[in-house]
């Protein structure tokens, strides 16, 4: 009996292992830029096995400046993508892509305007040349113009190169809290950084946005991905070492100094763990803020309210149900 039982148990064990392997759901998430600390929670959840704990076999695909992540998701090559903001995803929906935002990992959009040290307020930028990327025209730049009276006439294109700013004290430029201010500081130029979120800009950032069909057909998988990602961000901000290994693997140009600066800034400014996330969990979005964003886009005529149903553009319960507190 013992001789017969041993091979039987081995067969059962192999079958169980096979079933366990099959239970790992493949899931592809595409970022919107080169791998960096601002994507850290996703990489951390891969590196530390958090996704696997939830039965997910997650691939993080790296985006970049010439990569159209909406098109890639629409073609079925990614399950969900990283929206730079929920405003971007609302505009995509207005353009006919049925995108649903299910979480926003950044309570504060890290978009900043950077001025030389003589500029002490946003109002003082009215006499300056402002370097702004085309992508900002239907987002925070429109908000800045409406609130502070700046104009398109004073803008020039931003090419993601800080040299023009360094060379001209009359320049103001856009940036990301965790990136350009560091590069400018390293170049030895003193500057003042204005975080638009702290001035009232309501946008969420670093979203998990998926096709409507994915949210409906793979509801549990998407919910698990949201919860695991929130846990990944909590883990990354506590100790980013594991995630940083994978970030540098995907983006060899990333330095330890830049990663450390970005993590410190995200923690200092409450990019992930502030506001509603403190009581409702990482990734949380609220009805009040998404309505403010929607109203802003409608008011600027960036979206047509007859085309965009706000109730279909967001799914708020996944991050709330996960309730991963910072």
C-alpha atoms as a PDB file:
ATOM      1  CA  UNK A   1       0.000   0.000   0.000  1.00  0.00           C
ATOM      2  CA  UNK A   2       2.812   2.396   0.860  1.00  0.00           C
ATOM      3  CA  UNK A   3       4.555   1.617  -2.423  1.00  0.00           C
ATOM      4  CA  UNK A   4       1.390   2.414  -4.359  1.00  0.00           C
ATOM      5  CA  UNK A   5       0.528   5.532  -2.338  1.00  0.00           C
ATOM      6  CA  UNK A   6       3.844   7.318  -2.943  1.00  0.00           C
ATOM      7  CA  UNK A   7       3.489   7.655  -6.735  1.00  0.00           C
ATOM      8  CA  UNK A   8      -0.184   8.563  -6.283  1.00  0.00           C
ATOM      9  CA  UNK A   9       0.708  11.373  -3.871  1.00  0.00           C
ATOM     10  CA  UNK A  10       3.417  12.567  -6.252  1.00  0.00           C
ATOM     11  CA  UNK A  11       0.881  12.681  -9.087  1.00  0.00           C
ATOM     12  CA  UNK A  12      -1.584  14.638  -6.942  1.00  0.00           C
ATOM     13  CA  UNK A  13       1.170  17.071  -5.924  1.00  0.00           C
ATOM     14  CA  UNK A  14       2.142  17.631  -9.550  1.00  0.00           C
ATOM     15  CA  UNK A  15      -1.469  18.198 -10.516  1.00  0.00           C
ATOM     16  CA  UNK A  16      -1.914  20.684  -7.675  1.00  0.00           C
ATOM     17  CA  UNK A  17       1.243  22.507  -8.696  1.00  0.00           C
ATOM     18  CA  UNK A  18       0.002  22.607 -12.267  1.00  0.00           C
ATOM     19  CA  UNK A  19      -3.346  24.033 -11.164  1.00  0.00           C
ATOM     20  CA  UNK A  20      -1.574  26.596  -8.994  1.00  0.00           C
ATOM     21  CA  UNK A  21       0.503  27.725 -11.950  1.00  0.00           C
ATOM     22  CA  UNK A  22      -2.599  28.011 -14.094  1.00  0.00           C
ATOM     23  CA  UNK A  23      -4.303  30.089 -11.413  1.00  0.00           C
ATOM     24  CA  UNK A  24      -1.823  32.924 -11.965  1.00  0.00           C
ATOM     25  CA  UNK A  25      -3.798  35.380 -14.118  1.00  0.00           C
ATOM     26  CA  UNK A  26      -1.652  37.124 -16.706  1.00  0.00           C
ATOM     27  CA  UNK A  27      -2.092  40.893 -16.555  1.00  0.00           C
ATOM     28  CA  UNK A  28      -0.242  43.637 -18.442  1.00  0.00           C
ATOM     29  CA  UNK A  29      -0.031  47.188 -17.158  1.00  0.00           C
ATOM     30  CA  UNK A  30       1.586  49.880 -19.286  1.00  0.00           C
ATOM     31  CA  UNK A  31       3.212  52.964 -17.817  1.00  0.00           C
ATOM     32  CA  UNK A  32       3.302  56.378 -19.471  1.00  0.00           C
ATOM     33  CA  UNK A  33       7.046  57.087 -19.277  1.00  0.00           C
ATOM     34  CA  UNK A  34      10.436  55.538 -18.692  1.00  0.00           C
ATOM     35  CA  UNK A  35      10.714  53.545 -15.455  1.00  0.00           C
ATOM     36  CA  UNK A  36      11.228  55.817 -12.459  1.00  0.00           C
ATOM     37  CA  UNK A  37      10.398  56.191  -8.785  1.00  0.00           C
ATOM     38  CA  UNK A  38       7.034  57.668  -9.745  1.00  0.00           C
ATOM     39  CA  UNK A  39       6.146  54.139 -10.931  1.00  0.00           C
ATOM     40  CA  UNK A  40       7.705  52.519  -7.894  1.00  0.00           C
ATOM     41  CA  UNK A  41       4.663  50.908  -6.322  1.00  0.00           C
ATOM     42  CA  UNK A  42       3.971  48.845  -9.435  1.00  0.00           C
ATOM     43  CA  UNK A  43       7.539  47.585  -9.680  1.00  0.00           C
ATOM     44  CA  UNK A  44       7.599  46.925  -5.941  1.00  0.00           C
ATOM     45  CA  UNK A  45       4.501  44.740  -6.179  1.00  0.00           C
ATOM     46  CA  UNK A  46       6.248  42.652  -8.840  1.00  0.00           C
ATOM     47  CA  UNK A  47       9.584  42.524  -7.004  1.00  0.00           C
ATOM     48  CA  UNK A  48       8.185  41.529  -3.620  1.00  0.00           C
ATOM     49  CA  UNK A  49       5.593  39.032  -4.870  1.00  0.00           C
ATOM     50  CA  UNK A  50       2.554  41.089  -3.853  1.00  0.00           C
ATOM     51  CA  UNK A  51       0.867  40.562  -7.224  1.00  0.00           C
ATOM     52  CA  UNK A  52       1.560  36.826  -7.041  1.00  0.00           C
ATOM     53  CA  UNK A  53      -0.031  36.758  -3.593  1.00  0.00           C
ATOM     54  CA  UNK A  54      -3.255  37.822  -5.309  1.00  0.00           C
ATOM     55  CA  UNK A  55      -2.898  35.239  -8.084  1.00  0.00           C
ATOM     56  CA  UNK A  56      -1.621  37.705 -10.672  1.00  0.00           C
ATOM     57  CA  UNK A  57       1.238  37.268 -13.122  1.00  0.00           C
ATOM     58  CA  UNK A  58       1.833  40.951 -13.873  1.00  0.00           C
ATOM     59  CA  UNK A  59       3.993  42.387 -16.628  1.00  0.00           C
ATOM     60  CA  UNK A  60       4.894  46.078 -16.384  1.00  0.00           C
ATOM     61  CA  UNK A  61       5.427  47.507 -19.869  1.00  0.00           C
ATOM     62  CA  UNK A  62       7.414  50.722 -19.987  1.00  0.00           C
ATOM     63  CA  UNK A  63       6.071  53.666 -21.956  1.00  0.00           C
ATOM     64  CA  UNK A  64       7.914  56.718 -23.253  1.00  0.00           C
ATOM     65  CA  UNK A  65       7.507  60.026 -25.092  1.00  0.00           C
ATOM     66  CA  UNK A  66       6.704  58.453 -28.472  1.00  0.00           C
ATOM     67  CA  UNK A  67       4.451  55.682 -27.142  1.00  0.00           C
ATOM     68  CA  UNK A  68       0.677  56.000 -27.516  1.00  0.00           C
ATOM     69  CA  UNK A  69      -0.498  53.969 -24.534  1.00  0.00           C
ATOM     70  CA  UNK A  70      -4.194  54.568 -25.262  1.00  0.00           C
ATOM     71  CA  UNK A  71      -3.773  53.135 -28.741  1.00  0.00           C
ATOM     72  CA  UNK A  72      -1.855  50.161 -27.367  1.00  0.00           C
ATOM     73  CA  UNK A  73      -4.573  49.409 -24.819  1.00  0.00           C
ATOM     74  CA  UNK A  74      -7.288  49.882 -27.421  1.00  0.00           C
ATOM     75  CA  UNK A  75      -5.513  47.298 -29.585  1.00  0.00           C
ATOM     76  CA  UNK A  76      -5.599  44.792 -26.715  1.00  0.00           C
ATOM     77  CA  UNK A  77      -1.851  44.856 -26.015  1.00  0.00           C
ATOM     78  CA  UNK A  78      -2.278  46.075 -22.419  1.00  0.00           C
ATOM     79  CA  UNK A  79      -5.007  45.342 -19.898  1.00  0.00           C
ATOM     80  CA  UNK A  80      -4.773  48.697 -18.137  1.00  0.00           C
ATOM     81  CA  UNK A  81      -2.608  51.786 -18.475  1.00  0.00           C
ATOM     82  CA  UNK A  82      -1.162  54.591 -16.394  1.00  0.00           C
ATOM     83  CA  UNK A  83      -2.991  57.799 -17.159  1.00  0.00           C
ATOM     84  CA  UNK A  84      -0.895  60.879 -16.476  1.00  0.00           C
ATOM     85  CA  UNK A  85      -4.116  62.252 -14.978  1.00  0.00           C
ATOM     86  CA  UNK A  86      -7.790  61.406 -14.809  1.00  0.00           C
ATOM     87  CA  UNK A  87      -8.405  64.481 -17.002  1.00  0.00           C
ATOM     88  CA  UNK A  88      -6.437  62.805 -19.784  1.00  0.00           C
ATOM     89  CA  UNK A  89      -8.657  59.733 -19.465  1.00  0.00           C
ATOM     90  CA  UNK A  90     -11.841  61.833 -19.619  1.00  0.00           C
ATOM     91  CA  UNK A  91     -10.595  63.403 -22.848  1.00  0.00           C
ATOM     92  CA  UNK A  92      -9.862  59.935 -24.226  1.00  0.00           C
ATOM     93  CA  UNK A  93     -13.435  58.939 -23.464  1.00  0.00           C
ATOM     94  CA  UNK A  94     -14.646  62.078 -25.211  1.00  0.00           C
ATOM     95  CA  UNK A  95     -12.665  60.912 -28.249  1.00  0.00           C
ATOM     96  CA  UNK A  96     -14.582  57.641 -28.311  1.00  0.00           C
ATOM     97  CA  UNK A  97     -12.383  55.261 -26.314  1.00  0.00           C
ATOM     98  CA  UNK A  98     -14.452  53.656 -23.519  1.00  0.00           C
ATOM     99  CA  UNK A  99     -11.873  54.109 -20.748  1.00  0.00           C
ATOM    100  CA  UNK A 100     -12.714  53.646 -17.070  1.00  0.00           C
ATOM    101  CA  UNK A 101     -10.428  54.957 -14.314  1.00  0.00           C
ATOM    102  CA  UNK A 102     -10.528  52.597 -11.332  1.00  0.00           C
ATOM    103  CA  UNK A 103      -7.839  54.127  -9.104  1.00  0.00           C
ATOM    104  CA  UNK A 104      -5.526  57.129  -8.861  1.00  0.00           C
ATOM    105  CA  UNK A 105      -2.350  56.380  -6.949  1.00  0.00           C
ATOM    106  CA  UNK A 106      -1.357  60.041  -6.693  1.00  0.00           C
ATOM    107  CA  UNK A 107      -3.702  62.165  -4.613  1.00  0.00           C
ATOM    108  CA  UNK A 108      -1.715  65.172  -5.820  1.00  0.00           C
ATOM    109  CA  UNK A 109      -0.757  65.670  -9.439  1.00  0.00           C
ATOM    110  CA  UNK A 110       3.023  66.323  -9.278  1.00  0.00           C
ATOM    111  CA  UNK A 111       2.920  68.924 -12.074  1.00  0.00           C
ATOM    112  CA  UNK A 112       4.861  72.062 -11.159  1.00  0.00           C
ATOM    113  CA  UNK A 113       5.925  75.367 -12.626  1.00  0.00           C
ATOM    114  CA  UNK A 114       9.551  76.259 -11.925  1.00  0.00           C
ATOM    115  CA  UNK A 115      10.809  79.841 -11.841  1.00  0.00           C
ATOM    116  CA  UNK A 116      14.114  81.472 -11.032  1.00  0.00           C
ATOM    117  CA  UNK A 117      14.609  82.522  -7.415  1.00  0.00           C
ATOM    118  CA  UNK A 118      13.432  86.125  -7.959  1.00  0.00           C
ATOM    119  CA  UNK A 119       9.875  84.903  -8.726  1.00  0.00           C
ATOM    120  CA  UNK A 120       7.988  84.462  -5.462  1.00  0.00           C
ATOM    121  CA  UNK A 121       4.412  83.884  -6.695  1.00  0.00           C
ATOM    122  CA  UNK A 122       2.410  82.645  -9.667  1.00  0.00           C
ATOM    123  CA  UNK A 123       1.217  86.202 -10.339  1.00  0.00           C
ATOM    124  CA  UNK A 124       4.808  87.301 -10.892  1.00  0.00           C
ATOM    125  CA  UNK A 125       5.049  84.939 -13.872  1.00  0.00           C
ATOM    126  CA  UNK A 126       2.922  87.244 -16.025  1.00  0.00           C
ATOM    127  CA  UNK A 127       6.042  88.996 -17.352  1.00  0.00           C
ATOM    128  CA  UNK A 128       7.957  85.768 -17.992  1.00  0.00           C
ATOM    129  CA  UNK A 129       8.270  83.387 -20.922  1.00  0.00           C
ATOM    130  CA  UNK A 130       6.731  80.045 -19.944  1.00  0.00           C
ATOM    131  CA  UNK A 131       7.917  76.779 -21.479  1.00  0.00           C
ATOM    132  CA  UNK A 132       4.891  74.473 -21.805  1.00  0.00           C
ATOM    133  CA  UNK A 133       4.490  71.143 -23.654  1.00  0.00           C
ATOM    134  CA  UNK A 134       1.621  70.729 -26.095  1.00  0.00           C
ATOM    135  CA  UNK A 135       0.094  68.054 -23.852  1.00  0.00           C
ATOM    136  CA  UNK A 136      -0.422  70.660 -21.105  1.00  0.00           C
ATOM    137  CA  UNK A 137      -2.666  72.851 -23.217  1.00  0.00           C
ATOM    138  CA  UNK A 138      -5.802  70.852 -22.391  1.00  0.00           C
ATOM    139  CA  UNK A 139      -4.890  70.310 -18.759  1.00  0.00           C
ATOM    140  CA  UNK A 140      -3.094  72.250 -16.075  1.00  0.00           C
ATOM    141  CA  UNK A 141      -2.003  75.129 -18.356  1.00  0.00           C
ATOM    142  CA  UNK A 142      -5.656  75.981 -19.045  1.00  0.00           C
ATOM    143  CA  UNK A 143      -6.255  75.904 -15.283  1.00  0.00           C
ATOM    144  CA  UNK A 144      -3.249  78.181 -14.639  1.00  0.00           C
ATOM    145  CA  UNK A 145      -4.442  80.665 -17.261  1.00  0.00           C
ATOM    146  CA  UNK A 146      -7.951  80.820 -15.843  1.00  0.00           C
ATOM    147  CA  UNK A 147      -6.759  81.230 -12.237  1.00  0.00           C
ATOM    148  CA  UNK A 148      -3.704  83.457 -12.598  1.00  0.00           C
ATOM    149  CA  UNK A 149      -4.242  85.359 -15.836  1.00  0.00           C
ATOM    150  CA  UNK A 150      -1.255  83.975 -17.732  1.00  0.00           C
ATOM    151  CA  UNK A 151      -1.638  83.799 -21.517  1.00  0.00           C
ATOM    152  CA  UNK A 152      -0.710  81.621 -24.477  1.00  0.00           C
ATOM    153  CA  UNK A 153       1.160  84.581 -25.979  1.00  0.00           C
ATOM    154  CA  UNK A 154       3.893  84.228 -23.353  1.00  0.00           C
ATOM    155  CA  UNK A 155       4.499  80.518 -23.977  1.00  0.00           C
ATOM    156  CA  UNK A 156       7.088  78.631 -25.949  1.00  0.00           C
ATOM    157  CA  UNK A 157       7.246  74.846 -26.475  1.00  0.00           C
ATOM    158  CA  UNK A 158       8.859  72.804 -23.732  1.00  0.00           C
ATOM    159  CA  UNK A 159      11.097  70.088 -25.203  1.00  0.00           C
ATOM    160  CA  UNK A 160      11.911  68.295 -21.924  1.00  0.00           C
ATOM    161  CA  UNK A 161      15.317  69.978 -21.884  1.00  0.00           C
ATOM    162  CA  UNK A 162      16.173  72.292 -18.964  1.00  0.00           C
ATOM    163  CA  UNK A 163      19.008  74.117 -20.766  1.00  0.00           C
ATOM    164  CA  UNK A 164      16.863  77.028 -22.054  1.00  0.00           C
ATOM    165  CA  UNK A 165      15.639  77.633 -18.487  1.00  0.00           C
ATOM    166  CA  UNK A 166      19.170  77.497 -17.085  1.00  0.00           C
ATOM    167  CA  UNK A 167      20.375  80.009 -19.671  1.00  0.00           C
ATOM    168  CA  UNK A 168      17.605  82.612 -19.316  1.00  0.00           C
ATOM    169  CA  UNK A 169      16.431  84.103 -16.015  1.00  0.00           C
ATOM    170  CA  UNK A 170      13.279  85.336 -17.720  1.00  0.00           C
ATOM    171  CA  UNK A 171      12.139  81.745 -18.270  1.00  0.00           C
ATOM    172  CA  UNK A 172       9.591  79.708 -16.338  1.00  0.00           C
ATOM    173  CA  UNK A 173       9.137  76.065 -17.214  1.00  0.00           C
ATOM    174  CA  UNK A 174       6.847  73.174 -16.503  1.00  0.00           C
ATOM    175  CA  UNK A 175       8.118  70.131 -14.675  1.00  0.00           C
ATOM    176  CA  UNK A 176       7.362  67.163 -12.490  1.00  0.00           C
ATOM    177  CA  UNK A 177       7.951  67.677  -8.787  1.00  0.00           C
ATOM    178  CA  UNK A 178      10.246  64.693  -8.557  1.00  0.00           C
ATOM    179  CA  UNK A 179      12.280  65.274 -11.717  1.00  0.00           C
ATOM    180  CA  UNK A 180      13.136  68.689 -13.233  1.00  0.00           C
ATOM    181  CA  UNK A 181      13.642  70.485  -9.891  1.00  0.00           C
ATOM    182  CA  UNK A 182      16.304  67.891  -9.075  1.00  0.00           C
ATOM    183  CA  UNK A 183      18.066  68.371 -12.423  1.00  0.00           C
ATOM    184  CA  UNK A 184      17.992  72.169 -12.027  1.00  0.00           C
ATOM    185  CA  UNK A 185      19.322  71.893  -8.481  1.00  0.00           C
ATOM    186  CA  UNK A 186      22.162  69.645  -9.678  1.00  0.00           C
ATOM    187  CA  UNK A 187      23.015  72.216 -12.349  1.00  0.00           C
ATOM    188  CA  UNK A 188      23.608  74.751  -9.569  1.00  0.00           C
ATOM    189  CA  UNK A 189      20.726  77.093 -10.401  1.00  0.00           C
ATOM    190  CA  UNK A 190      18.498  78.371  -7.609  1.00  0.00           C
ATOM    191  CA  UNK A 191      14.815  78.143  -8.399  1.00  0.00           C
ATOM    192  CA  UNK A 192      11.376  78.212  -6.816  1.00  0.00           C
ATOM    193  CA  UNK A 193       9.000  75.335  -7.451  1.00  0.00           C
ATOM    194  CA  UNK A 194       5.215  75.800  -7.422  1.00  0.00           C
ATOM    195  CA  UNK A 195       3.226  72.572  -6.947  1.00  0.00           C
ATOM    196  CA  UNK A 196      -0.079  73.220  -8.704  1.00  0.00           C
ATOM    197  CA  UNK A 197      -1.947  70.685  -6.573  1.00  0.00           C
ATOM    198  CA  UNK A 198      -1.174  72.738  -3.467  1.00  0.00           C
ATOM    199  CA  UNK A 199      -2.588  75.805  -5.235  1.00  0.00           C
ATOM    200  CA  UNK A 200      -5.920  74.111  -5.896  1.00  0.00           C
ATOM    201  CA  UNK A 201      -5.439  72.148  -9.115  1.00  0.00           C
ATOM    202  CA  UNK A 202      -7.819  69.194  -8.531  1.00  0.00           C
ATOM    203  CA  UNK A 203      -6.490  66.576 -10.944  1.00  0.00           C
ATOM    204  CA  UNK A 204      -5.559  63.084  -9.814  1.00  0.00           C
ATOM    205  CA  UNK A 205      -2.469  61.467 -11.346  1.00  0.00           C
ATOM    206  CA  UNK A 206      -0.888  58.084 -12.043  1.00  0.00           C
ATOM    207  CA  UNK A 207      -4.153  56.295 -12.671  1.00  0.00           C
ATOM    208  CA  UNK A 208      -5.113  52.713 -13.279  1.00  0.00           C
ATOM    209  CA  UNK A 209      -7.320  53.097 -16.329  1.00  0.00           C
ATOM    210  CA  UNK A 210      -8.791  50.187 -18.279  1.00  0.00           C
ATOM    211  CA  UNK A 211     -11.170  49.494 -21.115  1.00  0.00           C
ATOM    212  CA  UNK A 212     -14.791  49.202 -20.033  1.00  0.00           C
ATOM    213  CA  UNK A 213     -14.856  45.621 -21.301  1.00  0.00           C
ATOM    214  CA  UNK A 214     -11.875  44.678 -19.129  1.00  0.00           C
ATOM    215  CA  UNK A 215     -13.499  46.158 -16.022  1.00  0.00           C
ATOM    216  CA  UNK A 216     -16.706  44.234 -16.727  1.00  0.00           C
ATOM    217  CA  UNK A 217     -15.279  40.919 -17.936  1.00  0.00           C
ATOM    218  CA  UNK A 218     -12.340  40.660 -15.513  1.00  0.00           C
ATOM    219  CA  UNK A 219     -13.860  42.375 -12.507  1.00  0.00           C
ATOM    220  CA  UNK A 220     -12.092  40.299  -9.839  1.00  0.00           C
ATOM    221  CA  UNK A 221      -8.726  40.487 -11.587  1.00  0.00           C
ATOM    222  CA  UNK A 222      -8.940  44.282 -11.870  1.00  0.00           C
ATOM    223  CA  UNK A 223     -10.012  44.554  -8.224  1.00  0.00           C
ATOM    224  CA  UNK A 224      -7.089  42.359  -7.158  1.00  0.00           C
ATOM    225  CA  UNK A 225      -4.698  44.418  -9.269  1.00  0.00           C
ATOM    226  CA  UNK A 226      -5.900  47.638  -7.618  1.00  0.00           C
ATOM    227  CA  UNK A 227      -5.506  46.229  -4.112  1.00  0.00           C
ATOM    228  CA  UNK A 228      -2.092  44.678  -4.798  1.00  0.00           C
ATOM    229  CA  UNK A 229      -0.862  47.899  -6.395  1.00  0.00           C
ATOM    230  CA  UNK A 230      -1.944  49.925  -3.360  1.00  0.00           C
ATOM    231  CA  UNK A 231      -0.018  47.481  -1.169  1.00  0.00           C
ATOM    232  CA  UNK A 232       2.924  47.845  -3.529  1.00  0.00           C
ATOM    233  CA  UNK A 233       2.944  51.602  -3.055  1.00  0.00           C
ATOM    234  CA  UNK A 234       2.762  51.306   0.705  1.00  0.00           C
ATOM    235  CA  UNK A 235       5.691  48.899   0.625  1.00  0.00           C
ATOM    236  CA  UNK A 236       7.713  51.019  -1.809  1.00  0.00           C
ATOM    237  CA  UNK A 237       7.448  54.195   0.239  1.00  0.00           C
ATOM    238  CA  UNK A 238       8.501  52.247   3.342  1.00  0.00           C
ATOM    239  CA  UNK A 239      11.553  50.659   1.683  1.00  0.00           C
ATOM    240  CA  UNK A 240      12.000  51.104  -2.088  1.00  0.00           C
ATOM    241  CA  UNK A 241      15.061  48.881  -2.518  1.00  0.00           C
ATOM    242  CA  UNK A 242      13.338  45.926  -4.219  1.00  0.00           C
ATOM    243  CA  UNK A 243      11.334  48.034  -6.646  1.00  0.00           C
ATOM    244  CA  UNK A 244      14.336  50.169  -7.523  1.00  0.00           C
ATOM    245  CA  UNK A 245      16.237  47.102  -8.751  1.00  0.00           C
ATOM    246  CA  UNK A 246      13.537  46.452 -11.360  1.00  0.00           C
ATOM    247  CA  UNK A 247      13.221  50.162 -12.235  1.00  0.00           C
ATOM    248  CA  UNK A 248      16.952  50.320 -13.023  1.00  0.00           C
ATOM    249  CA  UNK A 249      16.703  47.094 -14.997  1.00  0.00           C
ATOM    250  CA  UNK A 250      14.029  48.606 -17.259  1.00  0.00           C
ATOM    251  CA  UNK A 251      15.687  52.041 -17.321  1.00  0.00           C
ATOM    252  CA  UNK A 252      19.485  51.733 -16.937  1.00  0.00           C
ATOM    253  CA  UNK A 253      19.840  55.526 -17.140  1.00  0.00           C
ATOM    254  CA  UNK A 254      18.074  55.919 -13.790  1.00  0.00           C
ATOM    255  CA  UNK A 255      20.443  56.769 -10.933  1.00  0.00           C
ATOM    256  CA  UNK A 256      20.262  55.951  -7.242  1.00  0.00           C
ATOM    257  CA  UNK A 257      20.450  59.668  -6.395  1.00  0.00           C
ATOM    258  CA  UNK A 258      17.468  60.488  -8.608  1.00  0.00           C
ATOM    259  CA  UNK A 259      15.452  57.609  -7.172  1.00  0.00           C
ATOM    260  CA  UNK A 260      16.212  58.688  -3.598  1.00  0.00           C
ATOM    261  CA  UNK A 261      15.300  62.321  -4.355  1.00  0.00           C
ATOM    262  CA  UNK A 262      12.001  61.319  -5.985  1.00  0.00           C
ATOM    263  CA  UNK A 263      10.952  59.002  -3.163  1.00  0.00           C
ATOM    264  CA  UNK A 264      11.797  61.655  -0.560  1.00  0.00           C
ATOM    265  CA  UNK A 265       9.796  64.316  -2.421  1.00  0.00           C
ATOM    266  CA  UNK A 266       6.771  62.048  -2.853  1.00  0.00           C
ATOM    267  CA  UNK A 267       6.778  61.370   0.883  1.00  0.00           C
ATOM    268  CA  UNK A 268       7.456  64.981   1.876  1.00  0.00           C
ATOM    269  CA  UNK A 269       4.662  66.404  -0.280  1.00  0.00           C
ATOM    270  CA  UNK A 270       2.107  63.654   0.342  1.00  0.00           C
ATOM    271  CA  UNK A 271       1.788  62.715  -3.314  1.00  0.00           C
ATOM    272  CA  UNK A 272       0.468  59.218  -2.506  1.00  0.00           C
ATOM    273  CA  UNK A 273      -0.499  59.336   1.159  1.00  0.00           C
ATOM    274  CA  UNK A 274      -2.484  62.499   1.751  1.00  0.00           C
ATOM    275  CA  UNK A 275      -6.033  63.816   1.536  1.00  0.00           C
ATOM    276  CA  UNK A 276      -8.719  61.181   1.143  1.00  0.00           C
ATOM    277  CA  UNK A 277      -6.156  58.376   0.977  1.00  0.00           C
ATOM    278  CA  UNK A 278      -5.491  58.854   4.699  1.00  0.00           C
ATOM    279  CA  UNK A 279      -8.950  57.624   5.642  1.00  0.00           C
ATOM    280  CA  UNK A 280     -10.136  55.705   2.567  1.00  0.00           C
ATOM    281  CA  UNK A 281      -6.948  54.123   1.265  1.00  0.00           C
ATOM    282  CA  UNK A 282      -4.255  54.522  -1.387  1.00  0.00           C
ATOM    283  CA  UNK A 283      -5.729  55.026  -4.852  1.00  0.00           C
ATOM    284  CA  UNK A 284      -8.975  56.529  -3.577  1.00  0.00           C
ATOM    285  CA  UNK A 285     -10.973  58.978  -5.690  1.00  0.00           C
ATOM    286  CA  UNK A 286     -13.983  60.980  -4.509  1.00  0.00           C
ATOM    287  CA  UNK A 287     -17.150  62.116  -6.239  1.00  0.00           C
ATOM    288  CA  UNK A 288     -16.441  65.753  -5.352  1.00  0.00           C
ATOM    289  CA  UNK A 289     -13.031  65.837  -6.992  1.00  0.00           C
ATOM    290  CA  UNK A 290     -13.963  63.954 -10.136  1.00  0.00           C
ATOM    291  CA  UNK A 291     -16.933  66.328 -10.524  1.00  0.00           C
ATOM    292  CA  UNK A 292     -14.551  69.304 -10.179  1.00  0.00           C
ATOM    293  CA  UNK A 293     -12.313  67.829 -12.881  1.00  0.00           C
ATOM    294  CA  UNK A 294     -15.262  67.053 -15.134  1.00  0.00           C
ATOM    295  CA  UNK A 295     -16.714  70.558 -14.695  1.00  0.00           C
ATOM    296  CA  UNK A 296     -13.327  72.107 -15.460  1.00  0.00           C
ATOM    297  CA  UNK A 297     -13.015  70.198 -18.739  1.00  0.00           C
ATOM    298  CA  UNK A 298     -16.615  70.966 -19.731  1.00  0.00           C
ATOM    299  CA  UNK A 299     -16.153  74.642 -18.835  1.00  0.00           C
ATOM    300  CA  UNK A 300     -13.047  74.827 -21.008  1.00  0.00           C
ATOM    301  CA  UNK A 301     -14.904  73.001 -23.815  1.00  0.00           C
ATOM    302  CA  UNK A 302     -12.292  70.234 -23.760  1.00  0.00           C
ATOM    303  CA  UNK A 303     -14.997  67.569 -23.538  1.00  0.00           C
ATOM    304  CA  UNK A 304     -18.604  67.368 -24.661  1.00  0.00           C
ATOM    305  CA  UNK A 305     -20.912  66.535 -21.720  1.00  0.00           C
ATOM    306  CA  UNK A 306     -23.275  64.753 -24.104  1.00  0.00           C
ATOM    307  CA  UNK A 307     -20.477  62.327 -24.982  1.00  0.00           C
ATOM    308  CA  UNK A 308     -18.969  61.730 -21.546  1.00  0.00           C
ATOM    309  CA  UNK A 309     -21.049  60.161 -18.783  1.00  0.00           C
ATOM    310  CA  UNK A 310     -19.043  60.775 -15.627  1.00  0.00           C
ATOM    311  CA  UNK A 311     -20.664  57.776 -13.906  1.00  0.00           C
ATOM    312  CA  UNK A 312     -19.270  55.466 -16.609  1.00  0.00           C
ATOM    313  CA  UNK A 313     -15.847  57.096 -16.725  1.00  0.00           C
ATOM    314  CA  UNK A 314     -14.912  56.128 -13.152  1.00  0.00           C
ATOM    315  CA  UNK A 315     -15.322  53.158 -10.834  1.00  0.00           C
ATOM    316  CA  UNK A 316     -14.739  54.327  -7.281  1.00  0.00           C
ATOM    317  CA  UNK A 317     -15.420  51.251  -5.161  1.00  0.00           C
ATOM    318  CA  UNK A 318     -12.300  49.183  -5.923  1.00  0.00           C
ATOM    319  CA  UNK A 319      -9.754  51.352  -4.094  1.00  0.00           C
ATOM    320  CA  UNK A 320     -12.237  52.032  -1.305  1.00  0.00           C
ATOM    321  CA  UNK A 321     -12.943  48.346  -0.790  1.00  0.00           C
ATOM    322  CA  UNK A 322      -9.229  47.575  -0.811  1.00  0.00           C
ATOM    323  CA  UNK A 323      -8.690  50.254   1.865  1.00  0.00           C
ATOM    324  CA  UNK A 324      -4.915  50.047   2.001  1.00  0.00           C
ATOM    325  CA  UNK A 325      -4.109  52.945   4.316  1.00  0.00           C
ATOM    326  CA  UNK A 326      -0.772  54.756   3.778  1.00  0.00           C
END
